[in-house]
Amino acid sequence: MNIKLKELASNYLVKVQNKNVKIDSSFMTNDLKQVETQRVDSELTIIFNSIQFVAAIVSAIIGSWLLALIFLIASFTPALFQIIFGPMIESKSEK
């Protein structure tokens, strides 16, 4: 996606010879740098959070697998209730 965006912008700057349009390429390159920086930052954040999640699960299982299992069940229970009872509550609230 990012490479395609760069290609389109570069082709526009090189191929379009409209003298009436003033294009400041520094703004364009700055925007592209910000997009690239945000993408890399987001990818690193995802990797860091994934490693942190796996480390937390492993340490919880090593510490007390029974307590970790109880915690996981207690954590997912509200989400399961929402999936099961959510549509029923929504339909009743619409009436």
PDB file of N, CA and C in Angstrom:
ATOM      1  N   MET A   1       0.829  -1.194   0.000  1.00  0.00           N
ATOM      2  CA  MET A   1       0.000   0.000   0.000  1.00  0.00           C
ATOM      3  C   MET A   1       0.865   1.247   0.000  1.00  0.00           C
ATOM      4  N   ASN A   2       1.839   1.279   0.887  1.00  0.00           N
ATOM      5  CA  ASN A   2       2.688   2.457   1.002  1.00  0.00           C
ATOM      6  C   ASN A   2       3.542   2.648  -0.252  1.00  0.00           C
ATOM      7  N   ILE A   3       4.033   1.569  -0.809  1.00  0.00           N
ATOM      8  CA  ILE A   3       4.843   1.653  -2.017  1.00  0.00           C
ATOM      9  C   ILE A   3       3.991   2.133  -3.184  1.00  0.00           C
ATOM     10  N   LYS A   4       2.767   1.658  -3.263  1.00  0.00           N
ATOM     11  CA  LYS A   4       1.860   2.084  -4.334  1.00  0.00           C
ATOM     12  C   LYS A   4       1.551   3.583  -4.206  1.00  0.00           C
ATOM     13  N   LEU A   5       1.361   4.052  -2.985  1.00  0.00           N
ATOM     14  CA  LEU A   5       1.108   5.466  -2.749  1.00  0.00           C
ATOM     15  C   LEU A   5       2.302   6.309  -3.187  1.00  0.00           C
ATOM     16  N   LYS A   6       3.504   5.851  -2.840  1.00  0.00           N
ATOM     17  CA  LYS A   6       4.715   6.564  -3.256  1.00  0.00           C
ATOM     18  C   LYS A   6       4.853   6.577  -4.777  1.00  0.00           C
ATOM     19  N   GLU A   7       4.553   5.462  -5.398  1.00  0.00           N
ATOM     20  CA  GLU A   7       4.659   5.368  -6.851  1.00  0.00           C
ATOM     21  C   GLU A   7       3.688   6.330  -7.538  1.00  0.00           C
ATOM     22  N   LEU A   8       2.450   6.365  -7.077  1.00  0.00           N
ATOM     23  CA  LEU A   8       1.458   7.266  -7.670  1.00  0.00           C
ATOM     24  C   LEU A   8       1.858   8.735  -7.501  1.00  0.00           C
ATOM     25  N   ALA A   9       2.318   9.090  -6.314  1.00  0.00           N
ATOM     26  CA  ALA A   9       2.706  10.475  -6.066  1.00  0.00           C
ATOM     27  C   ALA A   9       3.921  10.872  -6.891  1.00  0.00           C
ATOM     28  N   SER A  10       4.881   9.981  -6.998  1.00  0.00           N
ATOM     29  CA  SER A  10       6.084  10.261  -7.789  1.00  0.00           C
ATOM     30  C   SER A  10       5.750  10.383  -9.266  1.00  0.00           C
ATOM     31  N   ASN A  11       4.936   9.485  -9.762  1.00  0.00           N
ATOM     32  CA  ASN A  11       4.539   9.562 -11.167  1.00  0.00           C
ATOM     33  C   ASN A  11       3.799  10.861 -11.460  1.00  0.00           C
ATOM     34  N   TYR A  12       2.968  11.292 -10.544  1.00  0.00           N
ATOM     35  CA  TYR A  12       2.241  12.543 -10.740  1.00  0.00           C
ATOM     36  C   TYR A  12       3.209  13.724 -10.822  1.00  0.00           C
ATOM     37  N   LEU A  13       4.173  13.745  -9.898  1.00  0.00           N
ATOM     38  CA  LEU A  13       5.123  14.858  -9.895  1.00  0.00           C
ATOM     39  C   LEU A  13       5.995  14.876 -11.140  1.00  0.00           C
ATOM     40  N   VAL A  14       6.383  13.694 -11.620  1.00  0.00           N
ATOM     41  CA  VAL A  14       7.293  13.629 -12.759  1.00  0.00           C
ATOM     42  C   VAL A  14       6.562  13.825 -14.075  1.00  0.00           C
ATOM     43  N   LYS A  15       5.425  13.184 -14.235  1.00  0.00           N
ATOM     44  CA  LYS A  15       4.761  13.152 -15.538  1.00  0.00           C
ATOM     45  C   LYS A  15       3.847  14.336 -15.805  1.00  0.00           C
ATOM     46  N   VAL A  16       3.246  14.893 -14.778  1.00  0.00           N
ATOM     47  CA  VAL A  16       2.310  15.995 -14.985  1.00  0.00           C
ATOM     48  C   VAL A  16       3.108  17.291 -15.079  1.00  0.00           C
ATOM     49  N   GLN A  17       2.977  17.952 -16.189  1.00  0.00           N
ATOM     50  CA  GLN A  17       3.734  19.189 -16.422  1.00  0.00           C
ATOM     51  C   GLN A  17       2.797  20.396 -16.450  1.00  0.00           C
ATOM     52  N   ASN A  18       1.869  20.451 -15.561  1.00  0.00           N
ATOM     53  CA  ASN A  18       0.926  21.565 -15.503  1.00  0.00           C
ATOM     54  C   ASN A  18       1.590  22.720 -14.760  1.00  0.00           C
ATOM     55  N   LYS A  19       1.827  23.796 -15.447  1.00  0.00           N
ATOM     56  CA  LYS A  19       2.528  24.935 -14.841  1.00  0.00           C
ATOM     57  C   LYS A  19       1.627  25.745 -13.917  1.00  0.00           C
ATOM     58  N   ASN A  20       0.316  25.598 -14.054  1.00  0.00           N
ATOM     59  CA  ASN A  20      -0.610  26.359 -13.229  1.00  0.00           C
ATOM     60  C   ASN A  20      -0.704  25.807 -11.809  1.00  0.00           C
ATOM     61  N   VAL A  21      -0.287  24.565 -11.620  1.00  0.00           N
ATOM     62  CA  VAL A  21      -0.396  23.917 -10.318  1.00  0.00           C
ATOM     63  C   VAL A  21       0.962  23.959  -9.641  1.00  0.00           C
ATOM     64  N   LYS A  22       0.989  24.567  -8.475  1.00  0.00           N
ATOM     65  CA  LYS A  22       2.236  24.583  -7.706  1.00  0.00           C
ATOM     66  C   LYS A  22       2.180  23.428  -6.712  1.00  0.00           C
ATOM     67  N   ILE A  23       3.187  22.579  -6.784  1.00  0.00           N
ATOM     68  CA  ILE A  23       3.243  21.430  -5.891  1.00  0.00           C
ATOM     69  C   ILE A  23       4.499  21.559  -5.048  1.00  0.00           C
ATOM     70  N   ASP A  24       4.290  21.511  -3.758  1.00  0.00           N
ATOM     71  CA  ASP A  24       5.434  21.524  -2.860  1.00  0.00           C
ATOM     72  C   ASP A  24       5.758  20.084  -2.502  1.00  0.00           C
ATOM     73  N   SER A  25       6.795  19.569  -3.121  1.00  0.00           N
ATOM     74  CA  SER A  25       7.134  18.149  -2.916  1.00  0.00           C
ATOM     75  C   SER A  25       7.615  17.873  -1.505  1.00  0.00           C
ATOM     76  N   SER A  26       8.067  18.895  -0.792  1.00  0.00           N
ATOM     77  CA  SER A  26       8.528  18.650   0.577  1.00  0.00           C
ATOM     78  C   SER A  26       7.362  18.243   1.475  1.00  0.00           C
ATOM     79  N   PHE A  27       6.173  18.827   1.237  1.00  0.00           N
ATOM     80  CA  PHE A  27       5.006  18.426   2.022  1.00  0.00           C
ATOM     81  C   PHE A  27       4.633  16.974   1.736  1.00  0.00           C
ATOM     82  N   MET A  28       4.706  16.607   0.449  1.00  0.00           N
ATOM     83  CA  MET A  28       4.368  15.243   0.072  1.00  0.00           C
ATOM     84  C   MET A  28       5.346  14.243   0.691  1.00  0.00           C
ATOM     85  N   THR A  29       6.638  14.529   0.590  1.00  0.00           N
ATOM     86  CA  THR A  29       7.623  13.593   1.140  1.00  0.00           C
ATOM     87  C   THR A  29       7.534  13.536   2.654  1.00  0.00           C
ATOM     88  N   ASN A  30       7.221  14.664   3.295  1.00  0.00           N
ATOM     89  CA  ASN A  30       7.045  14.666   4.739  1.00  0.00           C
ATOM     90  C   ASN A  30       5.855  13.799   5.137  1.00  0.00           C
ATOM     91  N   ASP A  31       4.748  13.912   4.406  1.00  0.00           N
ATOM     92  CA  ASP A  31       3.578  13.083   4.688  1.00  0.00           C
ATOM     93  C   ASP A  31       3.897  11.603   4.510  1.00  0.00           C
ATOM     94  N   LEU A  32       4.622  11.282   3.446  1.00  0.00           N
ATOM     95  CA  LEU A  32       4.982   9.882   3.219  1.00  0.00           C
ATOM     96  C   LEU A  32       5.907   9.359   4.310  1.00  0.00           C
ATOM     97  N   LYS A  33       6.806  10.195   4.790  1.00  0.00           N
ATOM     98  CA  LYS A  33       7.688   9.788   5.891  1.00  0.00           C
ATOM     99  C   LYS A  33       6.881   9.519   7.152  1.00  0.00           C
ATOM    100  N   GLN A  34       5.874  10.374   7.402  1.00  0.00           N
ATOM    101  CA  GLN A  34       5.041  10.170   8.586  1.00  0.00           C
ATOM    102  C   GLN A  34       4.229   8.886   8.479  1.00  0.00           C
ATOM    103  N   VAL A  35       3.718   8.589   7.288  1.00  0.00           N
ATOM    104  CA  VAL A  35       2.974   7.337   7.080  1.00  0.00           C
ATOM    105  C   VAL A  35       3.888   6.148   7.331  1.00  0.00           C
ATOM    106  N   GLU A  36       5.088   6.205   6.796  1.00  0.00           N
ATOM    107  CA  GLU A  36       6.045   5.106   6.969  1.00  0.00           C
ATOM    108  C   GLU A  36       6.433   4.952   8.440  1.00  0.00           C
ATOM    109  N   THR A  37       6.669   6.066   9.113  1.00  0.00           N
ATOM    110  CA  THR A  37       7.047   6.018  10.526  1.00  0.00           C
ATOM    111  C   THR A  37       5.930   5.429  11.367  1.00  0.00           C
ATOM    112  N   GLN A  38       4.692   5.834  11.107  1.00  0.00           N
ATOM    113  CA  GLN A  38       3.560   5.298  11.856  1.00  0.00           C
ATOM    114  C   GLN A  38       3.393   3.797  11.612  1.00  0.00           C
ATOM    115  N   ARG A  39       3.625   3.366  10.373  1.00  0.00           N
ATOM    116  CA  ARG A  39       3.496   1.943  10.051  1.00  0.00           C
ATOM    117  C   ARG A  39       4.520   1.127  10.818  1.00  0.00           C
ATOM    118  N   VAL A  40       5.766   1.582  10.806  1.00  0.00           N
ATOM    119  CA  VAL A  40       6.827   0.859  11.512  1.00  0.00           C
ATOM    120  C   VAL A  40       6.561   0.870  13.007  1.00  0.00           C
ATOM    121  N   ASP A  41       6.143   2.016  13.533  1.00  0.00           N
ATOM    122  CA  ASP A  41       5.850   2.114  14.957  1.00  0.00           C
ATOM    123  C   ASP A  41       4.707   1.179  15.349  1.00  0.00           C
ATOM    124  N   SER A  42       3.691   1.091  14.524  1.00  0.00           N
ATOM    125  CA  SER A  42       2.559   0.199  14.805  1.00  0.00           C
ATOM    126  C   SER A  42       2.980  -1.264  14.765  1.00  0.00           C
ATOM    127  N   GLU A  43       3.811  -1.616  13.804  1.00  0.00           N
ATOM    128  CA  GLU A  43       4.283  -3.001  13.721  1.00  0.00           C
ATOM    129  C   GLU A  43       5.119  -3.367  14.941  1.00  0.00           C
ATOM    130  N   LEU A  44       5.990  -2.462  15.371  1.00  0.00           N
ATOM    131  CA  LEU A  44       6.803  -2.737  16.560  1.00  0.00           C
ATOM    132  C   LEU A  44       5.944  -2.834  17.815  1.00  0.00           C
ATOM    133  N   THR A  45       4.904  -2.029  17.899  1.00  0.00           N
ATOM    134  CA  THR A  45       3.998  -2.096  19.042  1.00  0.00           C
ATOM    135  C   THR A  45       3.262  -3.433  19.074  1.00  0.00           C
ATOM    136  N   ILE A  46       2.831  -3.903  17.915  1.00  0.00           N
ATOM    137  CA  ILE A  46       2.154  -5.204  17.846  1.00  0.00           C
ATOM    138  C   ILE A  46       3.097  -6.318  18.273  1.00  0.00           C
ATOM    139  N   ILE A  47       4.321  -6.282  17.790  1.00  0.00           N
ATOM    140  CA  ILE A  47       5.308  -7.314  18.154  1.00  0.00           C
ATOM    141  C   ILE A  47       5.588  -7.276  19.647  1.00  0.00           C
ATOM    142  N   PHE A  48       5.802  -6.077  20.198  1.00  0.00           N
ATOM    143  CA  PHE A  48       6.085  -5.943  21.622  1.00  0.00           C
ATOM    144  C   PHE A  48       4.930  -6.456  22.474  1.00  0.00           C
ATOM    145  N   ASN A  49       3.701  -6.077  22.114  1.00  0.00           N
ATOM    146  CA  ASN A  49       2.535  -6.520  22.884  1.00  0.00           C
ATOM    147  C   ASN A  49       2.329  -8.025  22.778  1.00  0.00           C
ATOM    148  N   SER A  50       2.627  -8.609  21.624  1.00  0.00           N
ATOM    149  CA  SER A  50       2.505 -10.059  21.461  1.00  0.00           C
ATOM    150  C   SER A  50       3.503 -10.790  22.342  1.00  0.00           C
ATOM    151  N   ILE A  51       4.734 -10.311  22.355  1.00  0.00           N
ATOM    152  CA  ILE A  51       5.765 -10.929  23.208  1.00  0.00           C
ATOM    153  C   ILE A  51       5.389 -10.791  24.673  1.00  0.00           C
ATOM    154  N   GLN A  52       4.888  -9.631  25.040  1.00  0.00           N
ATOM    155  CA  GLN A  52       4.478  -9.396  26.425  1.00  0.00           C
ATOM    156  C   GLN A  52       3.315 -10.314  26.819  1.00  0.00           C
ATOM    157  N   PHE A  53       2.363 -10.518  25.914  1.00  0.00           N
ATOM    158  CA  PHE A  53       1.232 -11.395  26.186  1.00  0.00           C
ATOM    159  C   PHE A  53       1.687 -12.839  26.370  1.00  0.00           C
ATOM    160  N   VAL A  54       2.538 -13.308  25.474  1.00  0.00           N
ATOM    161  CA  VAL A  54       3.037 -14.687  25.572  1.00  0.00           C
ATOM    162  C   VAL A  54       3.838 -14.870  26.857  1.00  0.00           C
ATOM    163  N   ALA A  55       4.669 -13.897  27.206  1.00  0.00           N
ATOM    164  CA  ALA A  55       5.450 -13.997  28.444  1.00  0.00           C
ATOM    165  C   ALA A  55       4.538 -14.028  29.668  1.00  0.00           C
ATOM    166  N   ALA A  56       3.474 -13.247  29.644  1.00  0.00           N
ATOM    167  CA  ALA A  56       2.548 -13.237  30.778  1.00  0.00           C
ATOM    168  C   ALA A  56       1.832 -14.573  30.916  1.00  0.00           C
ATOM    169  N   ILE A  57       1.401 -15.150  29.792  1.00  0.00           N
ATOM    170  CA  ILE A  57       0.718 -16.448  29.837  1.00  0.00           C
ATOM    171  C   ILE A  57       1.664 -17.535  30.317  1.00  0.00           C
ATOM    172  N   VAL A  58       2.878 -17.547  29.787  1.00  0.00           N
ATOM    173  CA  VAL A  58       3.852 -18.577  30.183  1.00  0.00           C
ATOM    174  C   VAL A  58       4.194 -18.451  31.662  1.00  0.00           C
ATOM    175  N   SER A  59       4.431 -17.239  32.136  1.00  0.00           N
ATOM    176  CA  SER A  59       4.771 -17.082  33.552  1.00  0.00           C
ATOM    177  C   SER A  59       3.581 -17.421  34.451  1.00  0.00           C
ATOM    178  N   ALA A  60       2.370 -17.135  33.995  1.00  0.00           N
ATOM    179  CA  ALA A  60       1.197 -17.496  34.790  1.00  0.00           C
ATOM    180  C   ALA A  60       1.041 -19.006  34.875  1.00  0.00           C
ATOM    181  N   ILE A  61       1.295 -19.695  33.756  1.00  0.00           N
ATOM    182  CA  ILE A  61       1.180 -21.155  33.751  1.00  0.00           C
ATOM    183  C   ILE A  61       2.276 -21.781  34.599  1.00  0.00           C
ATOM    184  N   ILE A  62       3.472 -21.234  34.528  1.00  0.00           N
ATOM    185  CA  ILE A  62       4.574 -21.760  35.344  1.00  0.00           C
ATOM    186  C   ILE A  62       4.296 -21.521  36.825  1.00  0.00           C
ATOM    187  N   GLY A  63       3.780 -20.338  37.150  1.00  0.00           N
ATOM    188  CA  GLY A  63       3.521 -20.004  38.549  1.00  0.00           C
ATOM    189  C   GLY A  63       2.408 -20.857  39.148  1.00  0.00           C
ATOM    190  N   SER A  64       1.286 -20.888  38.510  1.00  0.00           N
ATOM    191  CA  SER A  64       0.161 -21.689  38.997  1.00  0.00           C
ATOM    192  C   SER A  64      -0.792 -21.901  37.836  1.00  0.00           C
ATOM    193  N   TRP A  65      -0.753 -23.087  37.268  1.00  0.00           N
ATOM    194  CA  TRP A  65      -1.578 -23.349  36.091  1.00  0.00           C
ATOM    195  C   TRP A  65      -3.065 -23.333  36.435  1.00  0.00           C
ATOM    196  N   LEU A  66      -3.403 -23.774  37.645  1.00  0.00           N
ATOM    197  CA  LEU A  66      -4.806 -23.781  38.050  1.00  0.00           C
ATOM    198  C   LEU A  66      -5.344 -22.355  38.192  1.00  0.00           C
ATOM    199  N   LEU A  67      -4.575 -21.499  38.848  1.00  0.00           N
ATOM    200  CA  LEU A  67      -4.989 -20.112  39.009  1.00  0.00           C
ATOM    201  C   LEU A  67      -5.059 -19.398  37.651  1.00  0.00           C
ATOM    202  N   ALA A  68      -4.115 -19.709  36.765  1.00  0.00           N
ATOM    203  CA  ALA A  68      -4.131 -19.118  35.427  1.00  0.00           C
ATOM    204  C   ALA A  68      -5.370 -19.561  34.651  1.00  0.00           C
ATOM    205  N   LEU A  69      -5.739 -20.820  34.772  1.00  0.00           N
ATOM    206  CA  LEU A  69      -6.928 -21.334  34.102  1.00  0.00           C
ATOM    207  C   LEU A  69      -8.193 -20.661  34.631  1.00  0.00           C
ATOM    208  N   ILE A  70      -8.284 -20.512  35.943  1.00  0.00           N
ATOM    209  CA  ILE A  70      -9.436 -19.839  36.549  1.00  0.00           C
ATOM    210  C   ILE A  70      -9.506 -18.385  36.077  1.00  0.00           C
ATOM    211  N   PHE A  71      -8.362 -17.718  36.028  1.00  0.00           N
ATOM    212  CA  PHE A  71      -8.330 -16.325  35.576  1.00  0.00           C
ATOM    213  C   PHE A  71      -8.763 -16.206  34.117  1.00  0.00           C
ATOM    214  N   LEU A  72      -8.296 -17.103  33.262  1.00  0.00           N
ATOM    215  CA  LEU A  72      -8.680 -17.061  31.850  1.00  0.00           C
ATOM    216  C   LEU A  72     -10.178 -17.294  31.674  1.00  0.00           C
ATOM    217  N   ILE A  73     -10.718 -18.243  32.411  1.00  0.00           N
ATOM    218  CA  ILE A  73     -12.161 -18.506  32.337  1.00  0.00           C
ATOM    219  C   ILE A  73     -12.946 -17.294  32.828  1.00  0.00           C
ATOM    220  N   ALA A  74     -12.504 -16.708  33.941  1.00  0.00           N
ATOM    221  CA  ALA A  74     -13.192 -15.528  34.476  1.00  0.00           C
ATOM    222  C   ALA A  74     -13.058 -14.326  33.532  1.00  0.00           C
ATOM    223  N   SER A  75     -11.969 -14.245  32.791  1.00  0.00           N
ATOM    224  CA  SER A  75     -11.771 -13.129  31.862  1.00  0.00           C
ATOM    225  C   SER A  75     -12.653 -13.245  30.630  1.00  0.00           C
ATOM    226  N   PHE A  76     -12.831 -14.457  30.136  1.00  0.00           N
ATOM    227  CA  PHE A  76     -13.597 -14.652  28.909  1.00  0.00           C
ATOM    228  C   PHE A  76     -15.102 -14.798  29.148  1.00  0.00           C
ATOM    229  N   THR A  77     -15.522 -15.003  30.378  1.00  0.00           N
ATOM    230  CA  THR A  77     -16.933 -15.182  30.682  1.00  0.00           C
ATOM    231  C   THR A  77     -17.792 -13.971  30.293  1.00  0.00           C
ATOM    232  N   PRO A  78     -17.394 -12.731  30.620  1.00  0.00           N
ATOM    233  CA  PRO A  78     -18.229 -11.589  30.197  1.00  0.00           C
ATOM    234  C   PRO A  78     -18.371 -11.484  28.675  1.00  0.00           C
ATOM    235  N   ALA A  79     -17.313 -11.798  27.952  1.00  0.00           N
ATOM    236  CA  ALA A  79     -17.394 -11.747  26.486  1.00  0.00           C
ATOM    237  C   ALA A  79     -18.364 -12.808  25.968  1.00  0.00           C
ATOM    238  N   LEU A  80     -18.331 -13.978  26.545  1.00  0.00           N
ATOM    239  CA  LEU A  80     -19.259 -15.035  26.133  1.00  0.00           C
ATOM    240  C   LEU A  80     -20.704 -14.648  26.447  1.00  0.00           C
ATOM    241  N   PHE A  81     -20.926 -14.051  27.616  1.00  0.00           N
ATOM    242  CA  PHE A  81     -22.273 -13.588  27.956  1.00  0.00           C
ATOM    243  C   PHE A  81     -22.753 -12.529  26.974  1.00  0.00           C
ATOM    244  N   GLN A  82     -21.853 -11.635  26.577  1.00  0.00           N
ATOM    245  CA  GLN A  82     -22.218 -10.595  25.617  1.00  0.00           C
ATOM    246  C   GLN A  82     -22.595 -11.211  24.276  1.00  0.00           C
ATOM    247  N   ILE A  83     -21.846 -12.212  23.836  1.00  0.00           N
ATOM    248  CA  ILE A  83     -22.150 -12.877  22.561  1.00  0.00           C
ATOM    249  C   ILE A  83     -23.489 -13.605  22.636  1.00  0.00           C
ATOM    250  N   ILE A  84     -23.742 -14.253  23.760  1.00  0.00           N
ATOM    251  CA  ILE A  84     -24.962 -15.053  23.897  1.00  0.00           C
ATOM    252  C   ILE A  84     -26.190 -14.165  24.105  1.00  0.00           C
ATOM    253  N   PHE A  85     -26.107 -13.237  25.064  1.00  0.00           N
ATOM    254  CA  PHE A  85     -27.285 -12.472  25.454  1.00  0.00           C
ATOM    255  C   PHE A  85     -27.381 -11.108  24.778  1.00  0.00           C
ATOM    256  N   GLY A  86     -26.335 -10.649  24.119  1.00  0.00           N
ATOM    257  CA  GLY A  86     -26.324  -9.327  23.490  1.00  0.00           C
ATOM    258  C   GLY A  86     -27.418  -9.133  22.446  1.00  0.00           C
ATOM    259  N   PRO A  87     -27.545 -10.039  21.470  1.00  0.00           N
ATOM    260  CA  PRO A  87     -28.612  -9.866  20.475  1.00  0.00           C
ATOM    261  C   PRO A  87     -30.015  -9.872  21.089  1.00  0.00           C
ATOM    262  N   MET A  88     -30.220 -10.695  22.105  1.00  0.00           N
ATOM    263  CA  MET A  88     -31.527 -10.752  22.747  1.00  0.00           C
ATOM    264  C   MET A  88     -31.835  -9.419  23.448  1.00  0.00           C
ATOM    265  N   ILE A  89     -30.854  -8.849  24.116  1.00  0.00           N
ATOM    266  CA  ILE A  89     -31.047  -7.567  24.792  1.00  0.00           C
ATOM    267  C   ILE A  89     -31.298  -6.462  23.771  1.00  0.00           C
ATOM    268  N   GLU A  90     -30.551  -6.477  22.661  1.00  0.00           N
ATOM    269  CA  GLU A  90     -30.732  -5.465  21.623  1.00  0.00           C
ATOM    270  C   GLU A  90     -32.126  -5.529  21.014  1.00  0.00           C
ATOM    271  N   SER A  91     -32.604  -6.745  20.761  1.00  0.00           N
ATOM    272  CA  SER A  91     -33.944  -6.865  20.152  1.00  0.00           C
ATOM    273  C   SER A  91     -35.022  -6.399  21.126  1.00  0.00           C
ATOM    274  N   LYS A  92     -34.873  -6.689  22.399  1.00  0.00           N
ATOM    275  CA  LYS A  92     -35.862  -6.238  23.381  1.00  0.00           C
ATOM    276  C   LYS A  92     -35.816  -4.730  23.580  1.00  0.00           C
ATOM    277  N   SER A  93     -34.602  -4.142  23.493  1.00  0.00           N
ATOM    278  CA  SER A  93     -34.505  -2.692  23.689  1.00  0.00           C
ATOM    279  C   SER A  93     -35.061  -1.928  22.492  1.00  0.00           C
ATOM    280  N   GLU A  94     -35.016  -2.533  21.302  1.00  0.00           N
ATOM    281  CA  GLU A  94     -35.606  -1.891  20.127  1.00  0.00           C
ATOM    282  C   GLU A  94     -37.137  -1.829  20.233  1.00  0.00           C
ATOM    283  N   LYS A  95     -37.714  -2.858  20.843  1.00  0.00           N
ATOM    284  CA  LYS A  95     -39.177  -2.889  21.008  1.00  0.00           C
ATOM    285  C   LYS A  95     -39.590  -1.841  22.015  1.00  0.00           C
TER     286      LYS A  95
END
